[in-house]
């Protein structure tokens, strides 16, 4: 299932959604892992992405370690020799989008470099806002919040596996 898509084949305009969990200081990762444990966020991620294509960078794929069931994983890499069983391989974000075929909603799921490239294309942001500052070595890009309209917010708390307050927030790009 490793193919290199033809970018000329993109003739539709899918909804481009970014899914991210980030701290107040925009931290999204540390040592190629999530810097918090939040099972409900992982369930939220699964609900959003199930049945769709997910586009991610190779380091993000490495942090997950496998293709996730019920979704098509498109890995963006500069390595032209890379093959990953069960995943599509692309060498640029436009190629990755082309690999999504007829999917009307595609999900950009990381990491930092892919998020930066995808921000101008995104229609919807699904952000889990961790309500604290967290140390890390990967950050979500800064973006103009005035260009986005908050469409939904769900406030959540957890005590285990660690005490955490977080919000599931949906932003839609203003037209």
C-alpha atoms as a PDB file:
ATOM      1  CA  UNK A   1       0.000   0.000   0.000  1.00  0.00           C
ATOM      2  CA  UNK A   2       3.024   2.262  -0.387  1.00  0.00           C
ATOM      3  CA  UNK A   3       2.410   4.594  -3.280  1.00  0.00           C
ATOM      4  CA  UNK A   4       3.573   7.980  -4.356  1.00  0.00           C
ATOM      5  CA  UNK A   5       0.528  10.012  -5.421  1.00  0.00           C
ATOM      6  CA  UNK A   6       0.260  12.124  -8.527  1.00  0.00           C
ATOM      7  CA  UNK A   7      -0.288  15.720  -7.332  1.00  0.00           C
ATOM      8  CA  UNK A   8      -1.946  16.516 -10.667  1.00  0.00           C
ATOM      9  CA  UNK A   9      -4.820  14.225  -9.665  1.00  0.00           C
ATOM     10  CA  UNK A  10      -6.123  16.649  -7.012  1.00  0.00           C
ATOM     11  CA  UNK A  11      -9.335  18.055  -8.493  1.00  0.00           C
ATOM     12  CA  UNK A  12     -11.487  18.476  -5.389  1.00  0.00           C
ATOM     13  CA  UNK A  13     -11.180  20.679  -2.365  1.00  0.00           C
ATOM     14  CA  UNK A  14     -11.468  18.582   0.803  1.00  0.00           C
ATOM     15  CA  UNK A  15     -12.090  20.095   4.197  1.00  0.00           C
ATOM     16  CA  UNK A  16      -8.667  20.346   5.804  1.00  0.00           C
ATOM     17  CA  UNK A  17      -8.794  19.865   9.576  1.00  0.00           C
ATOM     18  CA  UNK A  18      -5.942  20.207  12.030  1.00  0.00           C
ATOM     19  CA  UNK A  19      -6.083  18.119  15.207  1.00  0.00           C
ATOM     20  CA  UNK A  20      -3.690  19.018  18.018  1.00  0.00           C
ATOM     21  CA  UNK A  21      -3.350  18.962  21.779  1.00  0.00           C
ATOM     22  CA  UNK A  22      -1.277  21.871  23.009  1.00  0.00           C
ATOM     23  CA  UNK A  23      -0.371  23.586  26.256  1.00  0.00           C
ATOM     24  CA  UNK A  24      -0.928  27.293  26.894  1.00  0.00           C
ATOM     25  CA  UNK A  25       2.647  27.957  25.716  1.00  0.00           C
ATOM     26  CA  UNK A  26       1.888  25.982  22.494  1.00  0.00           C
ATOM     27  CA  UNK A  27       3.968  22.935  23.546  1.00  0.00           C
ATOM     28  CA  UNK A  28       2.860  19.812  21.666  1.00  0.00           C
ATOM     29  CA  UNK A  29       5.662  17.366  22.423  1.00  0.00           C
ATOM     30  CA  UNK A  30       8.825  16.426  24.271  1.00  0.00           C
ATOM     31  CA  UNK A  31      11.285  13.738  23.167  1.00  0.00           C
ATOM     32  CA  UNK A  32       8.853  12.686  20.404  1.00  0.00           C
ATOM     33  CA  UNK A  33       6.063  11.912  22.881  1.00  0.00           C
ATOM     34  CA  UNK A  34       3.085  13.756  24.332  1.00  0.00           C
ATOM     35  CA  UNK A  35       4.097  15.607  27.519  1.00  0.00           C
ATOM     36  CA  UNK A  36       0.857  14.607  29.312  1.00  0.00           C
ATOM     37  CA  UNK A  37      -1.379  11.574  29.660  1.00  0.00           C
ATOM     38  CA  UNK A  38      -4.978  12.292  28.744  1.00  0.00           C
ATOM     39  CA  UNK A  39      -7.000   9.214  27.726  1.00  0.00           C
ATOM     40  CA  UNK A  40     -10.100  11.282  26.866  1.00  0.00           C
ATOM     41  CA  UNK A  41      -8.056  13.322  24.384  1.00  0.00           C
ATOM     42  CA  UNK A  42      -6.968  10.107  22.653  1.00  0.00           C
ATOM     43  CA  UNK A  43     -10.626   9.002  22.453  1.00  0.00           C
ATOM     44  CA  UNK A  44     -11.561  12.442  21.061  1.00  0.00           C
ATOM     45  CA  UNK A  45      -8.795  12.122  18.439  1.00  0.00           C
ATOM     46  CA  UNK A  46     -10.063   8.672  17.443  1.00  0.00           C
ATOM     47  CA  UNK A  47     -13.673   9.879  17.136  1.00  0.00           C
ATOM     48  CA  UNK A  48     -12.664  12.813  14.927  1.00  0.00           C
ATOM     49  CA  UNK A  49     -10.348  10.916  12.597  1.00  0.00           C
ATOM     50  CA  UNK A  50     -12.089   7.532  12.280  1.00  0.00           C
ATOM     51  CA  UNK A  51     -12.844   6.642   8.659  1.00  0.00           C
ATOM     52  CA  UNK A  52     -10.697   9.456   7.235  1.00  0.00           C
ATOM     53  CA  UNK A  53      -7.159  10.090   6.047  1.00  0.00           C
ATOM     54  CA  UNK A  54      -4.627  11.364   8.567  1.00  0.00           C
ATOM     55  CA  UNK A  55      -1.547  13.209   7.338  1.00  0.00           C
ATOM     56  CA  UNK A  56       1.494  13.218   9.593  1.00  0.00           C
ATOM     57  CA  UNK A  57       5.226  13.685   9.439  1.00  0.00           C
ATOM     58  CA  UNK A  58       7.544  10.730   9.775  1.00  0.00           C
ATOM     59  CA  UNK A  59       8.610  11.632  13.337  1.00  0.00           C
ATOM     60  CA  UNK A  60       4.962  11.775  14.409  1.00  0.00           C
ATOM     61  CA  UNK A  61       4.425   8.377  12.830  1.00  0.00           C
ATOM     62  CA  UNK A  62       7.468   7.052  14.701  1.00  0.00           C
ATOM     63  CA  UNK A  63       5.996   8.334  17.978  1.00  0.00           C
ATOM     64  CA  UNK A  64       2.760   6.408  17.296  1.00  0.00           C
ATOM     65  CA  UNK A  65       4.636   3.387  15.978  1.00  0.00           C
ATOM     66  CA  UNK A  66       1.962   1.919  13.724  1.00  0.00           C
ATOM     67  CA  UNK A  67      -0.860   2.677  11.327  1.00  0.00           C
ATOM     68  CA  UNK A  68      -4.000   3.319  13.375  1.00  0.00           C
ATOM     69  CA  UNK A  69      -6.992   1.080  12.600  1.00  0.00           C
ATOM     70  CA  UNK A  70      -9.995   2.477  10.750  1.00  0.00           C
ATOM     71  CA  UNK A  71      -8.058   5.345   9.207  1.00  0.00           C
ATOM     72  CA  UNK A  72      -5.660   5.771   6.314  1.00  0.00           C
ATOM     73  CA  UNK A  73      -2.259   7.050   7.408  1.00  0.00           C
ATOM     74  CA  UNK A  74      -0.311   9.246   5.006  1.00  0.00           C
ATOM     75  CA  UNK A  75       3.273   9.811   6.139  1.00  0.00           C
ATOM     76  CA  UNK A  76       5.190  12.802   4.776  1.00  0.00           C
ATOM     77  CA  UNK A  77       8.922  12.169   4.529  1.00  0.00           C
ATOM     78  CA  UNK A  78      11.965  13.445   2.670  1.00  0.00           C
ATOM     79  CA  UNK A  79      13.281   9.860   2.500  1.00  0.00           C
ATOM     80  CA  UNK A  80      12.455   8.599  -0.994  1.00  0.00           C
ATOM     81  CA  UNK A  81      13.336   5.032   0.031  1.00  0.00           C
ATOM     82  CA  UNK A  82      11.001   4.859   3.031  1.00  0.00           C
ATOM     83  CA  UNK A  83       8.232   2.291   2.971  1.00  0.00           C
ATOM     84  CA  UNK A  84       5.880   1.643   5.882  1.00  0.00           C
ATOM     85  CA  UNK A  85       3.545  -1.313   5.831  1.00  0.00           C
ATOM     86  CA  UNK A  86      -0.080  -0.160   5.895  1.00  0.00           C
ATOM     87  CA  UNK A  87       0.696   3.503   5.155  1.00  0.00           C
ATOM     88  CA  UNK A  88       0.796   5.758   2.131  1.00  0.00           C
ATOM     89  CA  UNK A  89       4.050   7.646   1.644  1.00  0.00           C
ATOM     90  CA  UNK A  90       4.249  11.225   0.331  1.00  0.00           C
ATOM     91  CA  UNK A  91       7.187  13.566  -0.090  1.00  0.00           C
ATOM     92  CA  UNK A  92       5.373  16.876   0.386  1.00  0.00           C
ATOM     93  CA  UNK A  93       2.156  18.133   1.924  1.00  0.00           C
ATOM     94  CA  UNK A  94       0.530  18.670  -1.520  1.00  0.00           C
ATOM     95  CA  UNK A  95       1.410  15.061  -2.424  1.00  0.00           C
ATOM     96  CA  UNK A  96      -0.063  13.885   0.885  1.00  0.00           C
ATOM     97  CA  UNK A  97      -3.309  15.748   0.223  1.00  0.00           C
ATOM     98  CA  UNK A  98      -3.447  14.230  -3.261  1.00  0.00           C
ATOM     99  CA  UNK A  99      -3.045  10.784  -1.694  1.00  0.00           C
ATOM    100  CA  UNK A 100      -6.309  11.327   0.214  1.00  0.00           C
ATOM    101  CA  UNK A 101      -8.306  10.701  -2.969  1.00  0.00           C
ATOM    102  CA  UNK A 102     -12.027  11.354  -2.573  1.00  0.00           C
ATOM    103  CA  UNK A 103     -11.995  11.867   1.205  1.00  0.00           C
ATOM    104  CA  UNK A 104     -13.988  15.043   1.877  1.00  0.00           C
ATOM    105  CA  UNK A 105     -12.368  15.618   5.301  1.00  0.00           C
ATOM    106  CA  UNK A 106      -8.675  15.103   5.871  1.00  0.00           C
ATOM    107  CA  UNK A 107      -6.900  15.477   9.185  1.00  0.00           C
ATOM    108  CA  UNK A 108      -3.462  16.960   9.726  1.00  0.00           C
ATOM    109  CA  UNK A 109      -2.174  15.396  12.948  1.00  0.00           C
ATOM    110  CA  UNK A 110       1.411  16.634  13.321  1.00  0.00           C
ATOM    111  CA  UNK A 111       4.125  17.351  13.923  1.00  0.00           C
ATOM    112  CA  UNK A 112       5.209  20.955  14.221  1.00  0.00           C
ATOM    113  CA  UNK A 113       6.603  21.336  10.683  1.00  0.00           C
ATOM    114  CA  UNK A 114       3.545  19.737   9.069  1.00  0.00           C
ATOM    115  CA  UNK A 115       1.230  21.937  11.175  1.00  0.00           C
ATOM    116  CA  UNK A 116       3.120  25.043  10.010  1.00  0.00           C
ATOM    117  CA  UNK A 117       2.766  24.028   6.354  1.00  0.00           C
ATOM    118  CA  UNK A 118      -0.926  23.133   6.770  1.00  0.00           C
ATOM    119  CA  UNK A 119      -2.144  26.239   8.639  1.00  0.00           C
ATOM    120  CA  UNK A 120      -2.839  28.271   5.452  1.00  0.00           C
ATOM    121  CA  UNK A 121      -4.890  25.342   4.070  1.00  0.00           C
ATOM    122  CA  UNK A 122      -6.887  24.566   7.202  1.00  0.00           C
ATOM    123  CA  UNK A 123     -10.630  25.197   7.449  1.00  0.00           C
ATOM    124  CA  UNK A 124     -11.092  23.791  10.955  1.00  0.00           C
ATOM    125  CA  UNK A 125      -8.887  23.499  14.030  1.00  0.00           C
ATOM    126  CA  UNK A 126      -9.691  20.882  16.658  1.00  0.00           C
ATOM    127  CA  UNK A 127      -7.503  21.953  19.558  1.00  0.00           C
ATOM    128  CA  UNK A 128      -7.313  20.279  22.916  1.00  0.00           C
ATOM    129  CA  UNK A 129      -6.154  23.225  24.996  1.00  0.00           C
ATOM    130  CA  UNK A 130      -4.190  21.960  27.996  1.00  0.00           C
ATOM    131  CA  UNK A 131      -4.789  24.602  30.669  1.00  0.00           C
ATOM    132  CA  UNK A 132      -1.191  24.896  31.849  1.00  0.00           C
ATOM    133  CA  UNK A 133       2.241  25.683  30.531  1.00  0.00           C
ATOM    134  CA  UNK A 134       4.304  22.593  29.804  1.00  0.00           C
ATOM    135  CA  UNK A 135       7.995  22.166  29.002  1.00  0.00           C
ATOM    136  CA  UNK A 136       8.751  20.596  25.664  1.00  0.00           C
ATOM    137  CA  UNK A 137      10.776  20.666  22.479  1.00  0.00           C
ATOM    138  CA  UNK A 138       8.022  20.895  19.834  1.00  0.00           C
ATOM    139  CA  UNK A 139       5.439  23.648  19.498  1.00  0.00           C
ATOM    140  CA  UNK A 140       2.304  24.381  17.531  1.00  0.00           C
ATOM    141  CA  UNK A 141       2.879  27.397  15.263  1.00  0.00           C
ATOM    142  CA  UNK A 142       1.644  30.807  16.302  1.00  0.00           C
ATOM    143  CA  UNK A 143      -1.455  31.797  14.368  1.00  0.00           C
ATOM    144  CA  UNK A 144      -3.722  34.813  14.040  1.00  0.00           C
ATOM    145  CA  UNK A 145      -6.624  33.944  16.323  1.00  0.00           C
ATOM    146  CA  UNK A 146      -8.654  36.833  14.867  1.00  0.00           C
ATOM    147  CA  UNK A 147      -8.882  34.829  11.621  1.00  0.00           C
ATOM    148  CA  UNK A 148     -10.735  32.044  13.461  1.00  0.00           C
ATOM    149  CA  UNK A 149     -14.182  31.813  15.063  1.00  0.00           C
ATOM    150  CA  UNK A 150     -14.642  29.601  18.096  1.00  0.00           C
ATOM    151  CA  UNK A 151     -17.465  27.206  17.203  1.00  0.00           C
ATOM    152  CA  UNK A 152     -17.489  24.936  20.259  1.00  0.00           C
ATOM    153  CA  UNK A 153     -15.784  24.522  23.634  1.00  0.00           C
ATOM    154  CA  UNK A 154     -16.104  21.653  26.070  1.00  0.00           C
ATOM    155  CA  UNK A 155     -14.364  22.058  29.438  1.00  0.00           C
ATOM    156  CA  UNK A 156     -12.937  18.862  30.910  1.00  0.00           C
ATOM    157  CA  UNK A 157     -10.984  17.795  34.004  1.00  0.00           C
ATOM    158  CA  UNK A 158      -9.246  14.594  34.974  1.00  0.00           C
ATOM    159  CA  UNK A 159      -7.540  13.417  38.148  1.00  0.00           C
ATOM    160  CA  UNK A 160      -5.927  10.268  36.782  1.00  0.00           C
ATOM    161  CA  UNK A 161      -3.531   9.314  35.334  1.00  0.00           C
ATOM    162  CA  UNK A 162      -2.520  12.906  36.176  1.00  0.00           C
ATOM    163  CA  UNK A 163      -4.488  15.943  37.317  1.00  0.00           C
ATOM    164  CA  UNK A 164      -5.260  18.003  34.232  1.00  0.00           C
ATOM    165  CA  UNK A 165      -7.718  20.627  33.043  1.00  0.00           C
ATOM    166  CA  UNK A 166      -8.222  20.766  29.294  1.00  0.00           C
ATOM    167  CA  UNK A 167     -10.743  22.127  26.793  1.00  0.00           C
ATOM    168  CA  UNK A 168     -11.857  20.552  23.531  1.00  0.00           C
ATOM    169  CA  UNK A 169     -12.183  23.591  21.249  1.00  0.00           C
ATOM    170  CA  UNK A 170     -13.304  23.774  17.630  1.00  0.00           C
ATOM    171  CA  UNK A 171     -12.313  26.799  15.567  1.00  0.00           C
ATOM    172  CA  UNK A 172     -13.594  27.543  12.062  1.00  0.00           C
ATOM    173  CA  UNK A 173     -11.751  29.823   9.675  1.00  0.00           C
ATOM    174  CA  UNK A 174     -13.617  33.104   9.166  1.00  0.00           C
ATOM    175  CA  UNK A 175     -14.632  33.778   5.570  1.00  0.00           C
END
